[in-house]
Structure formats: C-alpha cells, structure tokens
Protein backbone atom coordinates (compact mmCIF):
# COMPACT_ATOMS: atom_id res chain seq x y z
CA UNK A 1 43.83 34.15 57.63
CA UNK A 2 42.59 36.84 55.19
CA UNK A 3 39.68 35.96 52.87
CA UNK A 4 40.49 34.79 49.35
CA UNK A 5 38.95 37.30 46.92
CA UNK A 6 40.59 35.87 43.80
CA UNK A 7 37.29 34.82 42.22
CA UNK A 8 35.24 37.63 43.74
CA UNK A 9 34.23 40.85 41.98
CA UNK A 10 35.16 43.57 44.48
CA UNK A 11 33.31 46.84 43.92
CA UNK A 12 34.51 49.96 45.69
CA UNK A 13 31.83 52.62 45.82
CA UNK A 14 31.66 56.13 47.22
CA UNK A 15 28.84 56.94 49.61
CA UNK A 16 27.53 59.60 47.21
CA UNK A 17 27.37 57.02 44.41
CA UNK A 18 25.38 54.62 46.59
CA UNK A 19 23.10 57.18 48.26
CA UNK A 20 21.56 60.52 47.34
CA UNK A 21 23.82 63.02 49.12
CA UNK A 22 23.28 65.99 46.82
CA UNK A 23 21.78 68.20 49.55
CA UNK A 24 24.68 67.34 51.85
CA UNK A 25 27.15 68.03 49.06
CA UNK A 26 25.72 71.51 48.53
CA UNK A 27 26.16 72.22 52.23
CA UNK A 28 29.80 71.17 51.92
CA UNK A 29 30.35 73.34 48.84
CA UNK A 30 28.56 76.42 50.12
CA UNK A 31 29.17 76.33 53.88
CA UNK A 32 32.29 74.23 54.33
CA UNK A 33 33.40 71.05 56.02
CA UNK A 34 32.35 71.97 59.57
CA UNK A 35 28.77 72.74 58.51
CA UNK A 36 28.67 69.51 56.51
CA UNK A 37 29.94 67.49 59.48
CA UNK A 38 27.38 69.07 61.84
CA UNK A 39 24.56 68.34 59.42
CA UNK A 40 25.57 64.69 59.04
CA UNK A 41 25.92 64.22 62.79
CA UNK A 42 22.56 65.90 63.47
CA UNK A 43 20.89 63.64 60.90
CA UNK A 44 22.57 60.33 61.74
CA UNK A 45 19.22 58.60 62.25
CA UNK A 46 17.73 60.00 59.03
CA UNK A 47 17.89 57.36 56.29
CA UNK A 48 19.48 58.39 53.00
CA UNK A 49 17.62 57.88 49.71
CA UNK A 50 19.12 55.60 47.04
CA UNK A 51 21.68 57.08 44.64
CA UNK A 52 22.72 56.27 41.07
CA UNK A 53 24.38 52.92 41.80
CA UNK A 54 22.02 51.72 44.54
CA UNK A 55 19.95 49.40 42.30
CA UNK A 56 23.12 47.83 40.87
CA UNK A 57 24.68 47.23 44.28
CA UNK A 58 21.46 45.87 45.75
CA UNK A 59 21.05 43.48 42.81
CA UNK A 60 24.64 42.20 43.11
CA UNK A 61 24.29 41.58 46.83
CA UNK A 62 21.04 39.69 46.26
CA UNK A 63 22.89 37.60 43.68
CA UNK A 64 25.17 36.37 46.47
CA UNK A 65 22.09 35.21 48.37
CA UNK A 66 20.50 33.53 45.35
CA UNK A 67 23.60 31.50 44.49
CA UNK A 68 24.76 30.95 48.05
CA UNK A 69 28.26 32.15 47.21
CA UNK A 70 30.28 35.26 47.98
CA UNK A 71 30.63 36.28 44.34
CA UNK A 72 30.50 40.05 44.79
CA UNK A 73 32.04 42.13 47.58
CA UNK A 74 31.00 45.77 47.98
CA UNK A 75 33.20 48.19 49.93
CA UNK A 76 32.31 51.77 50.87
CA UNK A 77 35.24 54.00 49.82
CA UNK A 78 34.61 57.50 51.14
CA UNK A 79 36.53 60.66 51.96
CA UNK A 80 34.20 61.18 54.91
CA UNK A 81 35.67 60.78 58.37
CA UNK A 82 34.33 58.03 60.64
CA UNK A 83 31.96 60.43 62.43
CA UNK A 84 30.24 61.75 59.31
CA UNK A 85 30.33 58.28 57.78
CA UNK A 86 28.13 56.86 60.53
CA UNK A 87 24.98 58.05 58.74
CA UNK A 88 26.03 56.09 55.67
CA UNK A 89 26.50 52.91 57.70
CA UNK A 90 23.14 53.43 59.43
CA UNK A 91 21.47 53.70 56.02
CA UNK A 92 23.20 50.50 54.89
CA UNK A 93 21.68 48.79 57.93
CA UNK A 94 18.23 50.20 57.12
CA UNK A 95 18.27 48.78 53.58
CA UNK A 96 19.75 45.51 54.83
CA UNK A 97 22.63 45.66 52.36
CA UNK A 98 25.31 43.02 52.85
CA UNK A 99 28.16 45.54 53.06
CA UNK A 100 30.61 44.97 55.89
CA UNK A 101 33.81 46.71 54.79
CA UNK A 102 34.38 50.46 54.55
CA UNK A 103 37.19 53.00 54.23
CA UNK A 104 36.65 56.52 55.60
CA UNK A 105 39.80 58.44 54.69
CA UNK A 106 39.00 61.76 56.38
CA UNK A 107 39.59 63.83 53.24
CA UNK A 108 42.71 61.96 52.12
CA UNK A 109 43.09 60.45 48.66
CA UNK A 110 41.46 57.04 48.33
CA UNK A 111 43.80 55.83 45.59
CA UNK A 112 46.35 54.10 47.83
CA UNK A 113 43.59 52.16 49.61
CA UNK A 114 41.94 50.65 46.52
CA UNK A 115 44.63 47.98 46.19
CA UNK A 116 44.51 47.32 49.93
CA UNK A 117 40.82 46.43 49.60
CA UNK A 118 41.45 44.42 46.39
CA UNK A 119 39.06 46.65 44.43
CA UNK A 120 38.33 45.52 40.84
CA UNK A 121 35.76 48.19 40.00
CA UNK A 122 35.53 51.66 41.52
CA UNK A 123 32.43 53.87 41.15
CA UNK A 124 32.31 57.46 42.33
CA UNK A 125 31.11 60.95 41.46
CA UNK A 126 34.50 62.44 42.24
CA UNK A 127 36.50 62.92 39.00
CA UNK A 128 39.88 63.15 40.75
CA UNK A 129 39.35 59.89 42.64
CA UNK A 130 38.16 58.12 39.49
CA UNK A 131 41.08 59.44 37.45
CA UNK A 132 43.57 58.32 40.09
CA UNK A 133 42.07 54.83 40.09
CA UNK A 134 42.23 54.63 36.29
CA UNK A 135 45.85 55.81 36.28
CA UNK A 136 46.65 52.96 38.67
CA UNK A 137 45.12 50.38 36.35
CA UNK A 138 41.81 49.89 38.17
CA UNK A 139 38.53 49.83 36.26
CA UNK A 140 36.76 52.99 37.40
CA UNK A 141 33.95 55.24 36.21
CA UNK A 142 32.37 58.54 37.17
CA UNK A 143 28.63 58.30 37.71
CA UNK A 144 25.99 60.68 36.38
CA UNK A 145 22.87 61.70 38.27
CA UNK A 146 20.28 58.90 38.32
CA UNK A 147 17.49 58.93 35.73
CA UNK A 148 14.00 59.81 36.88
CA UNK A 149 11.56 56.95 37.42
CA UNK A 150 14.12 54.23 36.67
CA UNK A 151 12.55 50.82 37.21
CA UNK A 152 15.24 48.10 37.17
CA UNK A 153 14.64 44.47 36.31
CA UNK A 154 13.83 42.60 39.50
CA UNK A 155 15.21 39.16 38.65
CA UNK A 156 18.15 39.92 36.36
CA UNK A 157 21.17 42.24 36.56
CA UNK A 158 21.58 44.08 33.27
CA UNK A 159 24.92 45.68 32.43
CA UNK A 160 25.80 47.43 29.17
CA UNK A 161 29.32 48.24 27.96
CA UNK A 162 30.75 50.31 25.17
CA UNK A 163 33.58 48.53 23.37
CA UNK A 164 36.67 50.56 22.44
CA UNK A 165 38.49 52.16 25.40
CA UNK A 166 36.15 50.33 27.80
CA UNK A 167 36.12 46.55 27.21
CA UNK A 168 38.90 46.78 24.64
CA UNK A 169 42.00 48.96 24.51
CA UNK A 170 41.89 52.42 22.96
CA UNK A 171 44.23 51.33 20.14
CA UNK A 172 41.56 51.28 17.42
CA UNK A 173 39.83 54.40 18.69
CA UNK A 174 43.10 56.33 18.41
CA UNK A 175 43.34 55.29 14.75
CA UNK A 176 39.77 56.45 14.17
CA UNK A 177 40.29 59.83 15.84
CA UNK A 178 43.67 60.53 14.29
CA UNK A 179 43.26 59.04 10.80
CA UNK A 180 39.52 58.91 10.22
CA UNK A 181 36.81 56.33 9.57
CA UNK A 182 38.24 54.81 6.40
CA UNK A 183 41.60 54.11 8.03
CA UNK A 184 39.85 52.64 11.07
CA UNK A 185 37.71 50.29 8.97
CA UNK A 186 40.68 49.17 6.89
CA UNK A 187 42.74 48.52 10.04
CA UNK A 188 39.96 46.45 11.64
CA UNK A 189 39.43 44.46 8.44
CA UNK A 190 43.14 43.61 8.12
CA UNK A 191 43.44 42.61 11.78
CA UNK A 192 40.03 40.95 12.15
CA UNK A 193 41.63 37.67 13.29
CA UNK A 194 43.88 39.37 15.85
CA UNK A 195 42.12 39.76 19.21
CA UNK A 196 41.81 43.31 20.48
CA UNK A 197 43.95 44.03 23.55
CA UNK A 198 42.07 44.03 26.84
CA UNK A 199 40.76 47.42 27.96
CA UNK A 200 40.14 48.77 31.47
CA UNK A 201 36.89 46.83 31.91
CA UNK A 202 38.05 43.61 30.25
CA UNK A 203 38.66 41.82 33.54
CA UNK A 204 35.30 42.99 34.90
CA UNK A 205 33.56 41.51 31.86
CA UNK A 206 35.44 38.22 32.24
CA UNK A 207 34.47 38.01 35.92
CA UNK A 208 30.82 38.74 35.14
CA UNK A 209 30.90 36.07 32.42
CA UNK A 210 32.21 33.55 34.94
CA UNK A 211 29.49 34.51 37.42
CA UNK A 212 26.87 34.08 34.69
CA UNK A 213 28.09 30.55 34.02
CA UNK A 214 27.44 29.45 37.60
CA UNK A 215 23.68 29.39 37.18
CA UNK A 216 21.30 27.98 34.59
CA UNK A 217 18.96 30.80 35.55
CA UNK A 218 19.39 34.08 33.64
CA UNK A 219 20.62 36.11 36.61
CA UNK A 220 23.07 38.39 34.76
CA UNK A 221 22.56 39.79 31.26
CA UNK A 222 25.32 41.63 29.41
CA UNK A 223 25.03 43.85 26.36
CA UNK A 224 27.68 45.39 24.12
CA UNK A 225 26.48 48.75 22.78
CA UNK A 226 29.00 50.16 20.33
CA UNK A 227 29.27 52.76 17.58
CA UNK A 228 31.07 50.13 15.46
CA UNK A 229 29.27 48.59 12.50
CA UNK A 230 30.09 46.17 9.70
CA UNK A 231 32.86 45.30 8.84
CA UNK A 232 34.38 46.39 12.18
CA UNK A 233 32.01 44.08 14.04
CA UNK A 234 33.93 40.89 13.21
CA UNK A 235 37.04 41.67 15.24
CA UNK A 236 34.90 42.38 18.30
CA UNK A 237 33.03 39.08 18.08
CA UNK A 238 36.21 37.08 17.51
CA UNK A 239 37.95 38.88 20.38
CA UNK A 240 35.17 37.96 22.83
CA UNK A 241 35.32 34.38 21.56
CA UNK A 242 39.07 34.25 22.17
CA UNK A 243 38.49 35.47 25.72
CA UNK A 244 35.94 32.72 26.33
CA UNK A 245 33.33 35.38 27.00
CA UNK A 246 29.73 35.37 25.83
CA UNK A 247 27.66 38.55 25.79
CA UNK A 248 23.90 38.12 25.60
CA UNK A 249 23.22 41.02 23.26
CA UNK A 250 25.30 43.19 20.92
CA UNK A 251 24.27 46.37 19.13
CA UNK A 252 26.48 47.71 16.33
CA UNK A 253 24.96 51.15 15.82
CA UNK A 254 27.24 52.74 13.26
CA UNK A 255 26.86 56.20 14.73
CA UNK A 256 23.17 56.01 15.68
CA UNK A 257 22.20 57.20 19.16
CA UNK A 258 22.62 54.63 21.92
CA UNK A 259 19.77 56.06 24.02
CA UNK A 260 16.82 54.04 22.81
CA UNK A 261 18.74 50.76 22.75
CA UNK A 262 19.83 51.29 26.36
CA UNK A 263 16.32 52.30 27.38
CA UNK A 264 14.96 49.10 25.82
CA UNK A 265 17.69 47.01 27.45
CA UNK A 266 16.91 48.73 30.78
CA UNK A 267 20.48 48.52 32.04
CA UNK A 268 21.28 48.71 35.74
CA UNK A 269 24.35 50.60 34.49
CA UNK A 270 25.97 51.61 31.22
CA UNK A 271 29.71 52.27 30.84
CA UNK A 272 31.06 54.48 28.03
CA UNK A 273 34.25 56.47 27.56
CA UNK A 274 32.56 59.49 25.98
CA UNK A 275 30.25 62.05 27.56
CA UNK A 276 28.37 62.45 24.27
CA UNK A 277 27.10 58.88 24.72
CA UNK A 278 27.01 58.42 28.49
CA UNK A 279 25.44 61.82 29.22
CA UNK A 280 22.29 61.38 27.11
CA UNK A 281 22.04 57.71 28.14
CA UNK A 282 21.94 58.78 31.80
CA UNK A 283 18.47 60.25 31.20
CA UNK A 284 17.18 56.70 30.69
CA UNK A 285 19.44 54.34 32.65
CA UNK A 286 22.15 54.76 35.32
CA UNK A 287 25.32 55.63 33.41
CA UNK A 288 29.00 56.26 34.02
CA UNK A 289 31.91 57.69 32.04
CA UNK A 290 35.20 55.79 31.90
CA UNK A 291 38.05 58.34 31.66
CA UNK A 292 41.26 57.72 29.75
CA UNK A 293 44.58 57.41 31.54
CA UNK A 294 46.47 60.68 31.74
CA UNK A 295 49.20 59.04 29.64
CA UNK A 296 46.75 58.24 26.83
CA UNK A 297 46.81 60.01 23.49
CA UNK A 298 43.05 60.44 23.93
CA UNK A 299 43.27 62.11 27.35
CA UNK A 300 41.71 65.56 27.55
CA UNK A 301 41.75 67.17 30.97
CA UNK A 302 39.00 69.56 29.82
CA UNK A 303 36.71 66.82 28.53
CA UNK A 304 33.11 67.26 29.72
CA UNK A 305 31.74 64.77 32.20
CA UNK A 306 29.23 64.45 35.01
CA UNK A 307 28.93 67.34 37.44
CA UNK A 308 31.64 66.37 39.88
CA UNK A 309 32.01 69.00 42.58
CA UNK A 310 31.63 66.96 45.71
CA UNK A 311 33.06 65.97 49.05
CA UNK A 312 32.93 62.21 48.41
C-alpha cells in the first residue's frame, strides 16, 4: 500500500540546488555531456559541498526527528542519469540526510514526474524546469547562488515570503503595475474584508502553519516581507486570519529595501516573485525567485533571474 502523503510537505529538489555542483556544471557547459559523465563517475567517492538549499533541507529533515513524525519528505529530482547521479546519493549518505526517494530522468523533462512523486514545492536552478512546474500549478522557485558565510539558526527553521504573486494571487499586483499605486491602494481599501485569492505558495504556507502547531517549541518561524504598507496591510492580515494561518513576523516596507530585514531575520530561504528583491536578498540569505505562469499578464520571458545555465 503506498504511503499517505496527504499531510506531508513534499519537497522536490534538484541535485544542484542541494549541493554545490558549479564546477561540474561548467564542465557540462564547456565540454559536453560525455565529459561531465566521466568526471562524475571518476569522482563518485568525492563528497559534494552543500548548495543553496542544503541548510533548509537539513533543517526540515531534522524536524522530522525532533517531532517523531514524517512531516516533510524530500525527493531528489534530477536530469542526471542513474550513473552520474550516484555521486549525489553517496553525498546524501555522507551527510546522513533522510532522503530515500529520487528521480534521475536522464536529460528528460522532470515536469511529468512531479505529480507522480506528489511534490508540493519544487526547488531548482534550472529556469525551464521551474517554469514547467509553475505552469502545472506546483509551487516552484529558481534558486540563486548561496550567500557567503551564511550561518543558519540551529534550532529553528526560518522562512520568509513575499506576499503578492507568492502567498497571494497576482490580482492586486496586476492592478498596481497596470494602473499605478493610487489605484492599487484604493482597490485594497475597498476590498479589505474580502480575502485575497490563494497564490502559488498559499498551500505551502498553510502546511507550514499546521506543522508549527504540532509543537509548543518554536521549531518553525515564518515571516511575511512585503512592499505593501498602510492601508494595504489590512487585507493581508485579514486574509491570513481567514485561512487560519498565523505568521510570526510581518514587515510592511512600503518600497524600502528588503535586504536588511531579511538579514536580521536570518531566513533559511526567502521567496519573492521579482529579481529586484530576490537578487539583492541572496547576498544575505538563501533566496529564490517565483516565476509567473506563462499565461499571466505579468509574465515576461526576458525577465532577469538567477544565472540558470545548467545540466540539472
């Protein structure tokens, strides 16, 4: 009988998001697949260094141990083939990570397999894979390079979210971009009592909130870091209340830089839909950009994002 993952947060993660494979990626780009495969096979016993999402994944897996429940499932989702993927699995063993499931697609698109593995959240450095996941309704984000000298909290997982087009739908952001700030503020004031529609990361937030409630200990801390300010703050707070979700911290910045707030919060990861926020934040904390669906009025295929040329 297959396991019941209904109440489990399933995170699909590329091997390059979990481990530092930048050297290997350059070999792939410059010398081709055969050279990359030879290098990986020749270095199977050489342990990979942690990548951007390593601290987050490690913290989630330790959370399972602390609470004695299988609350988070992590699956390796990689375009490697099984032979080149062996080094990744050996590194997982070295770090004693509780990861048992993996998909090595041998260069094929990973999109069709995300549903098969019941993935709720997909993290990768490959923009095409992330975009495909988003277009299929899966919360997904493209990771930036890790910050230097990042020192995560040891006893508490800290996750920061932008609001519009991440936790909430892009409806209000479209009004802001197409009609301007005054129209946006007026719209949010009129509809303050109407909950915002759920965005791509709404379900992830709700699952994290449920996990938080299982322990009296502060094991997970969630922050909302948004460019909204008064009076647009009210609709956000009332929306979260209607969802039965409690965030621990909220920062309504009104256009101020998010960098120093995120540095102070010391997030394991920060999710934002815009490179102008996520890019600078990535210098302080692990960060990821949430792309719009290709059907969205906000979609821009030429929008800047993390450097994404890779084999993963």
